[in-house]
C-alpha atoms as a PDB file:
ATOM      1  CA  MET A   1     -11.770 -28.530 -44.669  1.00  0.00           C
ATOM      2  CA  ASN A   2     -12.279 -26.587 -41.386  1.00  0.00           C
ATOM      3  CA  LEU A   3     -10.381 -28.480 -39.213  1.00  0.00           C
ATOM      4  CA  TYR A   4     -10.029 -27.357 -35.348  1.00  0.00           C
ATOM      5  CA  LEU A   5      -8.167 -28.898 -32.466  1.00  0.00           C
ATOM      6  CA  ALA A   6      -9.324 -29.535 -28.796  1.00  0.00           C
ATOM      7  CA  ASP A   7      -7.248 -29.185 -25.969  1.00  0.00           C
ATOM      8  CA  ASP A   8      -7.756 -31.058 -22.511  1.00  0.00           C
ATOM      9  CA  MET A   9      -9.877 -28.567 -21.622  1.00  0.00           C
ATOM     10  CA  GLY A  10     -12.275 -28.410 -24.790  1.00  0.00           C
ATOM     11  CA  ILE A  11     -10.693 -24.941 -26.163  1.00  0.00           C
ATOM     12  CA  LEU A  12     -11.404 -25.283 -29.957  1.00  0.00           C
ATOM     13  CA  THR A  13      -8.133 -23.626 -32.059  1.00  0.00           C
ATOM     14  CA  GLY A  14      -7.832 -23.332 -35.888  1.00  0.00           C
ATOM     15  CA  PRO A  15      -8.577 -23.908 -38.130  1.00  0.00           C
ATOM     16  CA  VAL A  16      -5.623 -26.048 -38.930  1.00  0.00           C
ATOM     17  CA  HIS A  17      -3.760 -27.462 -42.075  1.00  0.00           C
ATOM     18  CA  LEU A  18      -2.216 -31.290 -41.640  1.00  0.00           C
ATOM     19  CA  PRO A  19      -0.397 -32.108 -44.173  1.00  0.00           C
ATOM     20  CA  VAL A  20      -0.857 -34.578 -46.442  1.00  0.00           C
ATOM     21  CA  VAL A  21       0.716 -37.982 -46.132  1.00  0.00           C
ATOM     22  CA  PRO A  22       1.344 -39.819 -49.376  1.00  0.00           C
ATOM     23  CA  GLY A  23      -1.036 -42.345 -49.583  1.00  0.00           C
ATOM     24  CA  LEU A  24      -2.827 -41.743 -46.736  1.00  0.00           C
ATOM     25  CA  GLY A  25      -3.784 -38.270 -47.339  1.00  0.00           C
ATOM     26  CA  VAL A  26      -5.003 -36.153 -44.399  1.00  0.00           C
ATOM     27  CA  GLN A  27      -4.744 -38.114 -40.952  1.00  0.00           C
ATOM     28  CA  ILE A  28      -6.919 -35.968 -38.296  1.00  0.00           C
ATOM     29  CA  PRO A  29      -5.749 -36.826 -34.971  1.00  0.00           C
ATOM     30  CA  GLY A  30      -8.429 -37.919 -32.362  1.00  0.00           C
ATOM     31  CA  ASN A  31      -8.507 -34.174 -30.771  1.00  0.00           C
ATOM     32  CA  GLY A  32      -9.450 -32.987 -34.698  1.00  0.00           C
ATOM     33  CA  MET A  33     -13.199 -31.751 -35.537  1.00  0.00           C
ATOM     34  CA  GLN A  34     -14.289 -30.894 -38.828  1.00  0.00           C
ATOM     35  CA  LEU A  35     -16.882 -28.484 -39.200  1.00  0.00           C
ATOM     36  CA  SER A  36     -19.062 -27.372 -42.204  1.00  0.00           C
ATOM     37  CA  GLU A  37     -18.169 -23.429 -41.687  1.00  0.00           C
ATOM     38  CA  LEU A  38     -15.565 -21.271 -40.398  1.00  0.00           C
ATOM     39  CA  LEU A  39     -16.353 -20.182 -36.690  1.00  0.00           C
ATOM     40  CA  PRO A  40     -16.472 -16.717 -36.457  1.00  0.00           C
ATOM     41  CA  GLU A  41     -14.335 -14.693 -33.745  1.00  0.00           C
ATOM     42  CA  PRO A  42     -15.203 -15.143 -30.183  1.00  0.00           C
ATOM     43  CA  LEU A  43     -16.902 -12.510 -28.451  1.00  0.00           C
ATOM     44  CA  PRO A  44     -14.794 -10.492 -26.238  1.00  0.00           C
ATOM     45  CA  GLY A  45     -13.819 -12.534 -22.739  1.00  0.00           C
ATOM     46  CA  GLN A  46     -14.910 -15.835 -24.573  1.00  0.00           C
ATOM     47  CA  VAL A  47     -14.148 -18.674 -26.165  1.00  0.00           C
ATOM     48  CA  TRP A  48     -14.810 -21.732 -28.431  1.00  0.00           C
ATOM     49  CA  ALA A  49     -15.247 -24.871 -26.546  1.00  0.00           C
ATOM     50  CA  LEU A  50     -16.780 -28.177 -26.865  1.00  0.00           C
ATOM     51  CA  VAL A  51     -19.764 -28.397 -24.651  1.00  0.00           C
ATOM     52  CA  ASP A  52     -21.399 -31.504 -24.807  1.00  0.00           C
ATOM     53  CA  GLY A  53     -19.661 -32.474 -28.076  1.00  0.00           C
ATOM     54  CA  GLU A  54     -20.807 -28.985 -29.949  1.00  0.00           C
ATOM     55  CA  PRO A  55     -18.664 -25.751 -30.330  1.00  0.00           C
ATOM     56  CA  GLN A  56     -20.477 -23.171 -28.083  1.00  0.00           C
ATOM     57  CA  GLN A  57     -18.672 -19.471 -26.766  1.00  0.00           C
ATOM     58  CA  VAL A  58     -17.864 -20.268 -23.238  1.00  0.00           C
ATOM     59  CA  ALA A  59     -16.726 -17.201 -20.437  1.00  0.00           C
ATOM     60  CA  ASP A  60     -13.097 -17.384 -20.461  1.00  0.00           C
ATOM     61  CA  HIS A  61     -11.700 -15.823 -17.139  1.00  0.00           C
ATOM     62  CA  ARG A  62      -8.482 -17.659 -16.601  1.00  0.00           C
ATOM     63  CA  GLY A  63      -5.885 -16.077 -15.125  1.00  0.00           C
ATOM     64  CA  THR A  64      -5.705 -13.795 -11.930  1.00  0.00           C
ATOM     65  CA  LEU A  65      -8.942 -13.097 -10.078  1.00  0.00           C
ATOM     66  CA  TYR A  66      -9.378 -11.203  -6.744  1.00  0.00           C
ATOM     67  CA  GLU A  67     -10.860 -12.249  -3.712  1.00  0.00           C
ATOM     68  CA  ILE A  68     -13.912  -9.625  -2.635  1.00  0.00           C
ATOM     69  CA  ASP A  69     -13.366  -9.947   0.921  1.00  0.00           C
ATOM     70  CA  THR A  70      -9.762  -9.461   1.168  1.00  0.00           C
ATOM     71  CA  GLY A  71      -8.246  -8.873  -2.218  1.00  0.00           C
ATOM     72  CA  ALA A  72      -6.493 -11.925  -2.282  1.00  0.00           C
ATOM     73  CA  GLU A  73      -5.006 -13.322  -5.681  1.00  0.00           C
ATOM     74  CA  LEU A  74      -6.480 -16.666  -7.327  1.00  0.00           C
ATOM     75  CA  GLN A  75      -4.944 -18.564 -10.044  1.00  0.00           C
ATOM     76  CA  TYR A  76      -8.236 -19.515 -11.922  1.00  0.00           C
ATOM     77  CA  HIS A  77      -7.813 -22.054 -14.764  1.00  0.00           C
ATOM     78  CA  GLN A  78     -11.461 -23.226 -15.563  1.00  0.00           C
ATOM     79  CA  LEU A  79     -14.094 -22.102 -18.465  1.00  0.00           C
ATOM     80  CA  GLY A  80     -16.974 -20.216 -17.089  1.00  0.00           C
ATOM     81  CA  ASP A  81     -18.324 -17.425 -15.285  1.00  0.00           C
ATOM     82  CA  VAL A  82     -16.004 -15.914 -12.396  1.00  0.00           C
ATOM     83  CA  PRO A  83     -16.719 -17.592  -9.346  1.00  0.00           C
ATOM     84  CA  ASN A  84     -18.806 -16.218  -6.679  1.00  0.00           C
ATOM     85  CA  GLY A  85     -16.771 -13.950  -4.383  1.00  0.00           C
ATOM     86  CA  TYR A  86     -14.193 -13.072  -6.589  1.00  0.00           C
ATOM     87  CA  THR A  87     -13.779 -10.413  -9.342  1.00  0.00           C
ATOM     88  CA  LYS A  88     -11.171  -9.820 -12.156  1.00  0.00           C
ATOM     89  CA  ALA A  89     -10.678  -6.134 -10.741  1.00  0.00           C
ATOM     90  CA  PRO A  90      -7.513  -6.056  -8.328  1.00  0.00           C
ATOM     91  CA  ARG A  91      -8.032  -4.379  -5.045  1.00  0.00           C
ATOM     92  CA  PRO A  92      -6.271  -0.796  -5.462  1.00  0.00           C
ATOM     93  CA  SER A  93      -5.442  -1.011  -1.958  1.00  0.00           C
ATOM     94  CA  PRO A  94      -5.987  -2.133   1.481  1.00  0.00           C
ATOM     95  CA  ASP A  95      -8.382   0.961   1.859  1.00  0.00           C
ATOM     96  CA  TYR A  96     -10.392  -0.291  -0.524  1.00  0.00           C
ATOM     97  CA  HIS A  97     -13.543  -2.721   0.112  1.00  0.00           C
ATOM     98  CA  TRP A  98     -15.739  -4.488  -2.058  1.00  0.00           C
ATOM     99  CA  GLN A  99     -19.277  -2.939  -2.630  1.00  0.00           C
ATOM    100  CA  ALA A 100     -22.189  -3.222  -5.058  1.00  0.00           C
ATOM    101  CA  GLY A 101     -20.127  -5.077  -7.601  1.00  0.00           C
ATOM    102  CA  GLN A 102     -17.290  -2.884  -7.651  1.00  0.00           C
ATOM    103  CA  TRP A 103     -14.014  -1.755  -5.277  1.00  0.00           C
ATOM    104  CA  VAL A 104     -14.819   1.315  -3.040  1.00  0.00           C
ATOM    105  CA  ILE A 105     -12.827   3.475  -1.063  1.00  0.00           C
ATOM    106  CA  ASN A 106     -13.202   3.581   2.922  1.00  0.00           C
ATOM    107  CA  LEU A 107     -12.383   6.897   4.011  1.00  0.00           C
ATOM    108  CA  GLN A 108     -12.272   5.596   7.748  1.00  0.00           C
ATOM    109  CA  SER A 109      -9.514   3.791   6.641  1.00  0.00           C
ATOM    110  CA  VAL A 110      -7.503   6.048   4.924  1.00  0.00           C
ATOM    111  CA  HIS A 111      -8.264   8.438   7.861  1.00  0.00           C
ATOM    112  CA  ALA A 112      -6.883   5.970  10.179  1.00  0.00           C
ATOM    113  CA  ASP A 113      -3.839   5.307   7.957  1.00  0.00           C
ATOM    114  CA  ALA A 114      -2.950   8.964   7.805  1.00  0.00           C
ATOM    115  CA  GLU A 115      -3.333   9.558  11.605  1.00  0.00           C
ATOM    116  CA  ARG A 116      -0.872   6.550  12.175  1.00  0.00           C
ATOM    117  CA  ARG A 117       1.721   8.465   9.848  1.00  0.00           C
ATOM    118  CA  ILE A 118       1.336  11.485  11.699  1.00  0.00           C
ATOM    119  CA  ASN A 119       1.531  10.000  15.192  1.00  0.00           C
ATOM    120  CA  ALA A 120       5.212   8.154  13.660  1.00  0.00           C
ATOM    121  CA  ASP A 121       6.441  10.979  11.972  1.00  0.00           C
ATOM    122  CA  CYS A 122       5.517  13.295  15.160  1.00  0.00           C
ATOM    123  CA  GLN A 123       7.077  10.611  17.078  1.00  0.00           C
ATOM    124  CA  ALA A 124      10.497  10.761  14.930  1.00  0.00           C
ATOM    125  CA  ALA A 125      10.865  14.347  14.743  1.00  0.00           C
ATOM    126  CA  ILE A 126      11.030  14.697  18.554  1.00  0.00           C
ATOM    127  CA  THR A 127      13.392  12.400  19.006  1.00  0.00           C
ATOM    128  CA  ALA A 128      15.687  13.394  16.410  1.00  0.00           C
ATOM    129  CA  GLY A 129      17.399  15.983  18.538  1.00  0.00           C
ATOM    130  CA  PHE A 130      16.771  19.361  19.574  1.00  0.00           C
ATOM    131  CA  PHE A 131      19.199  23.156  20.019  1.00  0.00           C
ATOM    132  CA  SER A 132      19.208  24.962  23.063  1.00  0.00           C
ATOM    133  CA  SER A 133      21.409  27.817  23.687  1.00  0.00           C
ATOM    134  CA  ALA A 134      21.329  27.320  27.564  1.00  0.00           C
ATOM    135  CA  LEU A 135      25.032  27.619  27.333  1.00  0.00           C
ATOM    136  CA  GLY A 136      25.226  30.931  25.245  1.00  0.00           C
ATOM    137  CA  ALA A 137      25.761  29.101  21.737  1.00  0.00           C
ATOM    138  CA  ALA A 138      23.230  26.842  19.871  1.00  0.00           C
ATOM    139  CA  HIS A 139      24.335  23.344  21.093  1.00  0.00           C
ATOM    140  CA  LEU A 140      22.262  20.042  20.259  1.00  0.00           C
ATOM    141  CA  TYR A 141      21.098  17.637  22.345  1.00  0.00           C
ATOM    142  CA  SER A 142      19.781  14.236  21.989  1.00  0.00           C
ATOM    143  CA  SER A 143      15.823  13.588  22.570  1.00  0.00           C
ATOM    144  CA  GLN A 144      15.732   9.699  22.533  1.00  0.00           C
ATOM    145  CA  LEU A 145      12.937   8.460  24.442  1.00  0.00           C
ATOM    146  CA  ASP A 146      16.072   7.695  27.124  1.00  0.00           C
ATOM    147  CA  ASP A 147      17.583  11.069  26.450  1.00  0.00           C
ATOM    148  CA  GLN A 148      14.235  12.863  27.744  1.00  0.00           C
ATOM    149  CA  LEU A 149      14.167  10.694  30.927  1.00  0.00           C
ATOM    150  CA  ASN A 150      17.626  11.009  31.882  1.00  0.00           C
ATOM    151  CA  LEU A 151      17.522  14.910  31.250  1.00  0.00           C
ATOM    152  CA  ALA A 152      14.056  15.198  33.521  1.00  0.00           C
ATOM    153  CA  GLY A 153      16.280  13.201  36.093  1.00  0.00           C
ATOM    154  CA  VAL A 154      19.313  16.006  36.368  1.00  0.00           C
ATOM    155  CA  VAL A 155      17.010  18.827  36.222  1.00  0.00           C
ATOM    156  CA  LEU A 156      15.280  17.527  39.204  1.00  0.00           C
ATOM    157  CA  THR A 157      18.799  17.106  41.139  1.00  0.00           C
ATOM    158  CA  GLY A 158      18.747  20.839  41.199  1.00  0.00           C
ATOM    159  CA  LEU A 159      22.543  20.445  40.688  1.00  0.00           C
ATOM    160  CA  ASP A 160      25.105  22.080  38.436  1.00  0.00           C
ATOM    161  CA  THR A 161      26.351  19.002  35.973  1.00  0.00           C
ATOM    162  CA  LEU A 162      28.254  17.830  33.134  1.00  0.00           C
ATOM    163  CA  TYR A 163      25.679  17.161  29.912  1.00  0.00           C
ATOM    164  CA  ALA A 164      25.938  15.636  26.777  1.00  0.00           C
ATOM    165  CA  CYS A 165      25.442  17.863  23.592  1.00  0.00           C
ATOM    166  CA  ARG A 166      27.095  18.750  20.442  1.00  0.00           C
ATOM    167  CA  ASP A 167      28.429  21.598  19.139  1.00  0.00           C
ATOM    168  CA  ILE A 168      27.874  23.903  15.955  1.00  0.00           C
ATOM    169  CA  HIS A 169      31.132  21.256  14.526  1.00  0.00           C
ATOM    170  CA  GLY A 170      29.507  18.081  15.450  1.00  0.00           C
ATOM    171  CA  VAL A 171      31.838  17.444  18.375  1.00  0.00           C
ATOM    172  CA  ARG A 172      30.098  15.583  20.988  1.00  0.00           C
ATOM    173  CA  ASP A 173      31.262  16.240  24.881  1.00  0.00           C
ATOM    174  CA  PHE A 174      29.748  16.482  28.311  1.00  0.00           C
ATOM    175  CA  ARG A 175      30.253  19.611  28.729  1.00  0.00           C
ATOM    176  CA  PRO A 176      29.631  21.598  32.222  1.00  0.00           C
ATOM    177  CA  HIS A 177      25.941  23.383  32.971  1.00  0.00           C
ATOM    178  CA  THR A 178      25.218  25.185  35.794  1.00  0.00           C
ATOM    179  CA  PHE A 179      21.491  24.462  37.030  1.00  0.00           C
ATOM    180  CA  ALA A 180      19.922  27.388  35.456  1.00  0.00           C
ATOM    181  CA  GLN A 181      21.647  26.016  32.116  1.00  0.00           C
ATOM    182  CA  ILE A 182      20.159  22.437  32.483  1.00  0.00           C
ATOM    183  CA  ARG A 183      16.930  23.730  33.447  1.00  0.00           C
ATOM    184  CA  GLN A 184      16.729  25.901  30.478  1.00  0.00           C
ATOM    185  CA  VAL A 185      18.048  22.800  28.475  1.00  0.00           C
ATOM    186  CA  GLY A 186      15.279  21.067  29.631  1.00  0.00           C
ATOM    187  CA  ASP A 187      12.368  23.997  29.140  1.00  0.00           C
ATOM    188  CA  ASP A 188      13.542  23.964  25.781  1.00  0.00           C
ATOM    189  CA  LEU A 189      12.950  20.677  25.130  1.00  0.00           C
ATOM    190  CA  THR A 190       9.341  20.925  26.438  1.00  0.00           C
ATOM    191  CA  LEU A 191       8.691  23.774  24.170  1.00  0.00           C
ATOM    192  CA  PHE A 192      10.017  22.198  21.228  1.00  0.00           C
ATOM    193  CA  LYS A 193       7.644  19.289  22.096  1.00  0.00           C
ATOM    194  CA  GLN A 194       5.195  20.974  22.272  1.00  0.00           C
ATOM    195  CA  GLN A 195       5.478  22.951  19.137  1.00  0.00           C
ATOM    196  CA  LEU A 196       5.437  19.465  17.181  1.00  0.00           C
ATOM    197  CA  LEU A 197       2.578  17.852  19.079  1.00  0.00           C
ATOM    198  CA  GLN A 198       0.836  21.231  18.273  1.00  0.00           C
ATOM    199  CA  LYS A 199       1.648  20.626  14.439  1.00  0.00           C
ATOM    200  CA  ALA A 200       0.373  17.016  14.740  1.00  0.00           C
ATOM    201  CA  ASN A 201      -2.961  17.924  16.572  1.00  0.00           C
ATOM    202  CA  THR A 202      -3.341  20.763  13.893  1.00  0.00           C
ATOM    203  CA  LEU A 203      -2.715  17.912  10.786  1.00  0.00           C
ATOM    204  CA  LYS A 204      -5.247  15.619  12.627  1.00  0.00           C
ATOM    205  CA  GLN A 205      -7.784  17.900  12.983  1.00  0.00           C
ATOM    206  CA  GLN A 206      -7.381  18.613   9.469  1.00  0.00           C
ATOM    207  CA  LEU A 207      -8.026  14.854   8.582  1.00  0.00           C
ATOM    208  CA  ASP A 208     -11.256  14.832  10.767  1.00  0.00           C
ATOM    209  CA  GLN A 209     -12.557  17.798   8.515  1.00  0.00           C
ATOM    210  CA  ALA A 210     -11.409  16.300   5.332  1.00  0.00           C
ATOM    211  CA  LEU A 211     -13.223  13.141   6.720  1.00  0.00           C
ATOM    212  CA  ILE A 212     -16.622  14.971   7.392  1.00  0.00           C
ATOM    213  CA  ALA A 213     -16.556  16.257   4.204  1.00  0.00           C
ATOM    214  CA  ASP A 214     -15.889  13.101   2.165  1.00  0.00           C
ATOM    215  CA  ASP A 215     -12.909  14.256   0.481  1.00  0.00           C
ATOM    216  CA  CYS A 216     -10.671  11.330   0.260  1.00  0.00           C
ATOM    217  CA  ASP A 217      -8.149  13.951  -1.776  1.00  0.00           C
ATOM    218  CA  ALA A 218      -8.062  16.360   0.951  1.00  0.00           C
ATOM    219  CA  LEU A 219      -7.065  13.417   3.649  1.00  0.00           C
ATOM    220  CA  GLU A 220      -4.592  12.193   1.587  1.00  0.00           C
ATOM    221  CA  ALA A 221      -3.051  15.480   1.231  1.00  0.00           C
ATOM    222  CA  VAL A 222      -2.510  15.717   4.924  1.00  0.00           C
ATOM    223  CA  THR A 223       1.125  14.885   5.321  1.00  0.00           C
ATOM    224  CA  TRP A 224       3.694  15.787   7.893  1.00  0.00           C
ATOM    225  CA  SER A 225       5.987  17.064   5.644  1.00  0.00           C
ATOM    226  CA  ALA A 226       3.049  19.219   3.550  1.00  0.00           C
ATOM    227  CA  GLN A 227       3.017  21.514   6.672  1.00  0.00           C
ATOM    228  CA  SER A 228       6.033  23.423   7.994  1.00  0.00           C
END
């Protein structure tokens, strides 16, 4: 006896062996089906299911599918082919778009992401502080945007001033600066920023060249830390 059981979706499992009930024999449940021959193993990606009361191999793509427009996940619970607008392949990253039946990397997106990271890294470097030897020994000066504006304002006064900085021991204090010294601090900040902006520009030129060459590996290799 080749006995198979069908679930609520009609998917067949088996063959199963039911116990013999004394005096009654084998009791076949309502979802049971006797077949004259064993069903062969289904093809990959398919299952045996009842279609119009007959066993047939049906495509089985239950599980996680992905929308080809956005890459958003969908939990799919039906038998049959993958519905239009979806794929079983996850989107590798937001830099990919669906084209000709597969995920294809969008180099314009990779370029834009890399440029945004370079801008952010450059800004972080500029605002991390800078050293000036205007007082004779190197001192660390803050360079957040407010600090830059404050320094520019102090330089414009043309006067001697007390200005905050840290010595080699990390001690922060308002130390006396002559006008020439505070102007030197301002010049050192300008040079510091200019060097970082030039580095960012060099990296962006490398990105542009990689984009022109359609070289994804080269695009991904251009990072702030990769260049000293």
